[in-house]
Amino acid sequence: MIKVFTDGGSRGNPGKSACAFVVYDFENIIHQEKVFLGINTNNQAEYSGLLFALRYINEKSIQEVEFFSDSELMVKQINGIYKVKDSGILKIFTDVKKEISKIPNFSIKHVRREENTLADKLVNKCLDEK
């Protein structure tokens, strides 16, 4: 089972933003990536982290994957518990759902920030570099 931890953040809301994701095969890191996004809101950065991770997973044709994020709002929106009301999120939400539809066995769960430390560190490192 492949596990993916995603994160996004902005310094200011909106402000300089970045996202990151870490892919695990069992306990081993098989890929990690960070991306500077420019000026965005925190939620846009969170969604961008998920979108970049989904594109990576689909490029590798991975069929079974568990995603984890410390963004409770995003996880609940993806799982259909909350509606997306923000027009700035709606486009990226639609792109995320298209990528999810390509993965036969997809799940996403909320984790506490303490359980998402590496992705969080990558986001902050990316922001520190800009």
Protein backbone atom coordinates (compact mmCIF):
# COMPACT_ATOMS: atom_id res chain seq x y z
CA MET A 1 0.00 0.00 0.00
CA ILE A 2 1.33 3.40 -1.02
CA LYS A 3 0.84 6.22 1.47
CA VAL A 4 1.10 9.89 0.57
CA PHE A 5 1.31 12.78 3.02
CA THR A 6 0.51 16.22 1.59
CA ASP A 7 0.76 19.73 2.98
CA GLY A 8 0.50 23.32 1.90
CA GLY A 9 0.96 26.64 3.59
CA SER A 10 1.14 30.35 3.09
CA ARG A 11 2.87 33.12 4.98
CA GLY A 12 0.05 35.57 5.04
CA ASN A 13 -3.40 34.60 3.85
CA PRO A 14 -3.00 35.20 0.99
CA GLY A 15 0.75 35.33 0.90
CA LYS A 16 3.86 33.51 -0.29
CA SER A 17 2.82 29.88 -0.51
CA ALA A 18 4.24 26.44 -1.13
CA CYS A 19 3.15 22.83 -1.07
CA ALA A 20 4.81 19.47 -0.66
CA PHE A 21 4.13 15.77 -0.63
CA VAL A 22 5.93 12.64 0.53
CA VAL A 23 5.28 9.16 -0.92
CA TYR A 24 5.92 6.06 1.16
CA ASP A 25 6.08 2.41 0.14
CA PHE A 26 5.55 0.72 3.49
CA GLU A 27 7.97 2.67 5.71
CA ASN A 28 10.39 3.80 2.98
CA ILE A 29 10.24 7.21 1.31
CA ILE A 30 10.15 6.64 -2.44
CA HIS A 31 9.58 10.25 -3.50
CA GLN A 32 9.30 13.72 -2.00
CA GLU A 33 8.66 17.01 -3.69
CA LYS A 34 8.16 20.66 -2.79
CA VAL A 35 6.79 23.43 -5.02
CA PHE A 36 6.76 27.19 -4.57
CA LEU A 37 3.34 28.49 -5.66
CA GLY A 38 3.62 32.27 -5.48
CA ILE A 39 0.82 34.20 -3.80
CA ASN A 40 -2.09 32.02 -2.67
CA THR A 41 -4.29 31.35 0.32
CA ASN A 42 -3.49 28.58 2.75
CA ASN A 43 -6.38 26.47 1.43
CA GLN A 44 -5.21 26.89 -2.17
CA ALA A 45 -1.76 25.71 -1.09
CA GLU A 46 -3.24 22.67 0.70
CA TYR A 47 -5.20 21.72 -2.42
CA SER A 48 -2.13 22.27 -4.61
CA GLY A 49 -0.14 19.82 -2.49
CA LEU A 50 -2.82 17.21 -3.02
CA LEU A 51 -3.07 17.95 -6.75
CA PHE A 52 0.69 17.65 -7.34
CA ALA A 53 0.71 14.38 -5.39
CA LEU A 54 -2.24 12.98 -7.35
CA ARG A 55 -0.55 13.83 -10.66
CA TYR A 56 2.61 12.07 -9.50
CA ILE A 57 0.60 8.98 -8.45
CA ASN A 58 -1.23 8.91 -11.78
CA GLU A 59 2.00 9.34 -13.78
CA LYS A 60 3.33 6.25 -11.98
CA SER A 61 0.03 4.37 -12.56
CA ILE A 62 -0.32 3.53 -8.88
CA GLN A 63 -3.69 1.88 -8.36
CA GLU A 64 -4.04 1.79 -4.58
CA VAL A 65 -3.11 4.75 -2.43
CA GLU A 66 -3.94 6.26 0.94
CA PHE A 67 -3.56 10.02 1.29
CA PHE A 68 -3.10 11.91 4.54
CA SER A 69 -3.40 15.65 5.18
CA ASP A 70 -3.56 17.89 8.21
CA SER A 71 -6.14 20.08 6.45
CA GLU A 72 -9.40 18.91 7.98
CA LEU A 73 -11.40 21.26 5.74
CA MET A 74 -9.87 19.88 2.54
CA VAL A 75 -10.27 16.25 3.62
CA LYS A 76 -13.92 16.79 4.51
CA GLN A 77 -14.54 18.56 1.19
CA ILE A 78 -12.87 15.77 -0.79
CA ASN A 79 -14.87 13.15 1.12
CA GLY A 80 -18.13 15.03 0.43
CA ILE A 81 -18.83 15.94 4.06
CA TYR A 82 -18.48 19.68 3.39
CA LYS A 83 -19.38 21.55 0.21
CA VAL A 84 -16.84 23.75 -1.56
CA LYS A 85 -18.24 27.28 -1.34
CA ASP A 86 -15.10 29.30 -2.12
CA SER A 87 -14.89 30.14 -5.83
CA GLY A 88 -11.09 30.33 -5.54
CA ILE A 89 -11.00 26.67 -4.48
CA LEU A 90 -13.66 25.34 -6.86
CA LYS A 91 -11.38 25.10 -9.93
CA ILE A 92 -8.60 23.25 -8.13
CA PHE A 93 -11.20 21.07 -6.35
CA THR A 94 -12.54 20.06 -9.78
CA ASP A 95 -9.00 19.25 -11.00
CA VAL A 96 -8.37 17.20 -7.84
CA LYS A 97 -11.58 15.20 -8.30
CA LYS A 98 -10.62 14.42 -11.94
CA GLU A 99 -7.26 13.06 -10.79
CA ILE A 100 -8.89 11.05 -8.00
CA SER A 101 -11.25 9.42 -10.51
CA LYS A 102 -8.21 7.82 -12.20
CA ILE A 103 -7.23 5.92 -9.03
CA PRO A 104 -9.28 2.75 -8.45
CA ASN A 105 -8.53 2.51 -4.72
CA PHE A 106 -8.27 6.02 -3.28
CA SER A 107 -8.80 7.23 0.26
CA ILE A 108 -7.89 10.38 2.12
CA LYS A 109 -7.78 10.84 5.87
CA HIS A 110 -7.18 13.74 8.21
CA VAL A 111 -4.12 13.51 10.47
CA ARG A 112 -2.83 15.86 13.12
CA ARG A 113 0.02 18.17 12.16
CA GLU A 114 2.38 16.11 14.35
CA GLU A 115 1.76 13.13 12.07
CA ASN A 116 2.63 15.13 8.95
CA THR A 117 6.00 16.54 9.95
CA LEU A 118 8.08 15.78 6.86
CA ALA A 119 5.65 17.34 4.36
CA ASP A 120 5.30 20.34 6.70
CA LYS A 121 9.10 20.73 6.90
CA LEU A 122 9.35 20.62 3.10
CA VAL A 123 6.74 23.39 2.77
CA ASN A 124 8.60 25.59 5.25
CA LYS A 125 11.98 24.86 3.63
CA CYS A 126 10.55 25.88 0.24
CA LEU A 127 9.17 29.12 1.70
CA ASP A 128 12.47 29.87 3.46
CA GLU A 129 14.30 29.52 0.12
CA LYS A 130 12.14 32.20 -1.56
